[in-house]
Amino acid sequence: MTMKPESTKVKKPDPTKVKGIPYDFGGLVLVIPPLSLGAMEQLQERLTGMSDDMFDPGNISTVIDTLHAALGRNYPDMTREEVANLVDLENMQEAMTCAMDISGIKRKALEAGQGGGDV
């Protein structure tokens, strides 16, 4: 996946897809929806078992799998490898916050700030 740093690409999901939080992965804006309950069920033990060590291989794998599951709701053709290449040490915590926006508080605040438009 090639990204042009001089211009921001916005890859919008179909309007019938899941609402989420637009996130700029260094020039590629994707809408990250919250995890589905099914994905949460499958990842729950790994998510609750994450340590504070961001270099822990288990943590890294969990972050990639969580974001892949969340992004897959709007971008079903996106591979795990593509997600892994988008996520880095600088953006992983904020991207995870978007995927874990269970109550939609962050998304709703963003929508209110934009006059309630599509995210």
Protein backbone atom coordinates (compact mmCIF):
# COMPACT_ATOMS: atom_id res chain seq x y z
CA MET A 1 0.00 0.00 0.00
CA THR A 2 1.68 3.22 -1.15
CA MET A 3 0.99 6.47 0.65
CA LYS A 4 1.69 9.95 -0.68
CA PRO A 5 2.89 12.16 2.20
CA GLU A 6 2.17 15.41 0.33
CA SER A 7 -1.57 14.71 0.08
CA THR A 8 -4.02 13.05 2.40
CA LYS A 9 -6.01 10.19 0.92
CA VAL A 10 -9.40 9.54 2.46
CA LYS A 11 -10.66 6.01 2.03
CA LYS A 12 -14.34 6.18 2.93
CA PRO A 13 -16.41 3.11 3.65
CA ASP A 14 -19.80 2.63 2.07
CA PRO A 15 -22.43 4.77 3.84
CA THR A 16 -24.13 1.57 5.01
CA LYS A 17 -21.04 0.47 6.94
CA VAL A 18 -20.37 0.97 10.64
CA LYS A 19 -19.91 4.45 12.11
CA GLY A 20 -16.58 5.08 13.71
CA ILE A 21 -13.78 7.55 14.23
CA PRO A 22 -11.80 8.89 11.26
CA TYR A 23 -8.11 8.29 11.90
CA ASP A 24 -5.21 9.57 9.81
CA PHE A 25 -2.56 6.88 9.40
CA GLY A 26 0.08 9.21 7.95
CA GLY A 27 -1.85 10.31 4.88
CA LEU A 28 -4.49 7.58 4.70
CA VAL A 29 -7.66 8.35 6.64
CA LEU A 30 -9.68 5.30 7.66
CA VAL A 31 -12.87 5.17 9.74
CA ILE A 32 -12.18 2.92 12.74
CA PRO A 33 -15.44 1.51 14.15
CA PRO A 34 -15.65 -0.07 17.60
CA LEU A 35 -15.06 -3.80 17.84
CA SER A 36 -18.05 -6.03 17.28
CA LEU A 37 -19.16 -8.14 20.24
CA GLY A 38 -18.00 -11.25 18.41
CA ALA A 39 -14.50 -9.84 17.95
CA MET A 40 -14.48 -8.62 21.55
CA GLU A 41 -15.41 -12.10 22.74
CA GLN A 42 -12.57 -13.66 20.73
CA LEU A 43 -9.99 -11.08 21.83
CA GLN A 44 -11.19 -10.47 25.41
CA GLU A 45 -8.60 -12.62 27.21
CA ARG A 46 -5.76 -11.17 25.17
CA LEU A 47 -7.01 -7.58 25.66
CA THR A 48 -7.38 -7.92 29.42
CA GLY A 49 -4.01 -9.69 29.62
CA MET A 50 -2.06 -6.92 27.90
CA SER A 51 0.90 -5.65 29.88
CA ASP A 52 2.23 -2.09 30.07
CA ASP A 53 5.25 -3.13 28.00
CA MET A 54 4.50 -1.90 24.49
CA PHE A 55 7.42 -3.97 23.14
CA ASP A 56 5.89 -7.23 24.40
CA PRO A 57 5.33 -9.38 21.27
CA GLY A 58 1.95 -10.48 22.66
CA ASN A 59 0.83 -6.88 23.00
CA ILE A 60 1.92 -6.02 19.47
CA SER A 61 0.06 -9.00 18.06
CA THR A 62 -3.06 -8.12 20.07
CA VAL A 63 -3.01 -4.51 18.85
CA ILE A 64 -2.70 -5.61 15.22
CA ASP A 65 -5.44 -8.26 15.57
CA THR A 66 -7.76 -5.82 17.37
CA LEU A 67 -7.34 -3.10 14.76
CA HIS A 68 -7.67 -5.62 11.95
CA ALA A 69 -10.97 -6.84 13.42
CA ALA A 70 -12.26 -3.28 13.88
CA LEU A 71 -11.15 -2.00 10.47
CA GLY A 72 -12.46 -5.17 8.84
CA ARG A 73 -15.99 -4.04 9.65
CA ASN A 74 -15.63 -1.15 7.18
CA TYR A 75 -12.83 -2.44 4.96
CA PRO A 76 -13.40 -6.20 4.64
CA ASP A 77 -10.69 -6.57 1.99
CA MET A 78 -7.98 -5.07 4.21
CA THR A 79 -5.44 -7.71 5.20
CA ARG A 80 -3.81 -8.14 8.58
CA GLU A 81 -0.48 -7.32 6.92
CA GLU A 82 -1.84 -4.01 5.62
CA VAL A 83 -3.06 -3.11 9.11
CA ALA A 84 0.31 -4.10 10.60
CA ASN A 85 2.06 -1.77 8.17
CA LEU A 86 -0.23 1.16 9.09
CA VAL A 87 0.23 0.86 12.86
CA ASP A 88 3.41 2.07 14.53
CA LEU A 89 4.61 2.99 18.01
CA GLU A 90 3.43 6.56 17.57
CA ASN A 91 -0.18 5.80 16.59
CA MET A 92 -0.96 2.42 18.15
CA GLN A 93 -2.38 3.73 21.44
CA GLU A 94 -4.67 6.31 19.83
CA ALA A 95 -5.81 3.87 17.12
CA MET A 96 -6.63 1.31 19.84
CA THR A 97 -8.62 3.97 21.71
CA CYS A 98 -10.71 4.43 18.56
CA ALA A 99 -11.35 0.68 18.25
CA MET A 100 -12.25 0.43 21.93
CA ASP A 101 -14.70 3.38 21.81
CA ILE A 102 -17.39 1.03 23.06
CA SER A 103 -19.98 3.59 24.09
CA GLY A 104 -19.26 5.84 21.12
CA ILE A 105 -18.38 8.76 23.41
CA LYS A 106 -15.37 9.89 21.35
CA ARG A 107 -17.20 9.43 18.03
CA LYS A 108 -20.29 11.29 19.27
CA ALA A 109 -18.14 14.18 20.52
CA LEU A 110 -16.46 14.38 17.12
CA GLU A 111 -19.84 14.33 15.35
CA ALA A 112 -21.19 17.08 17.63
CA GLY A 113 -18.15 19.20 16.88
CA GLN A 114 -18.75 18.75 13.14
CA GLY A 115 -22.45 19.58 13.30
CA GLY A 116 -23.46 15.94 13.46
CA GLY A 117 -22.20 15.13 9.96
CA ASP A 118 -20.88 11.79 8.79
CA VAL A 119 -17.58 10.71 10.23
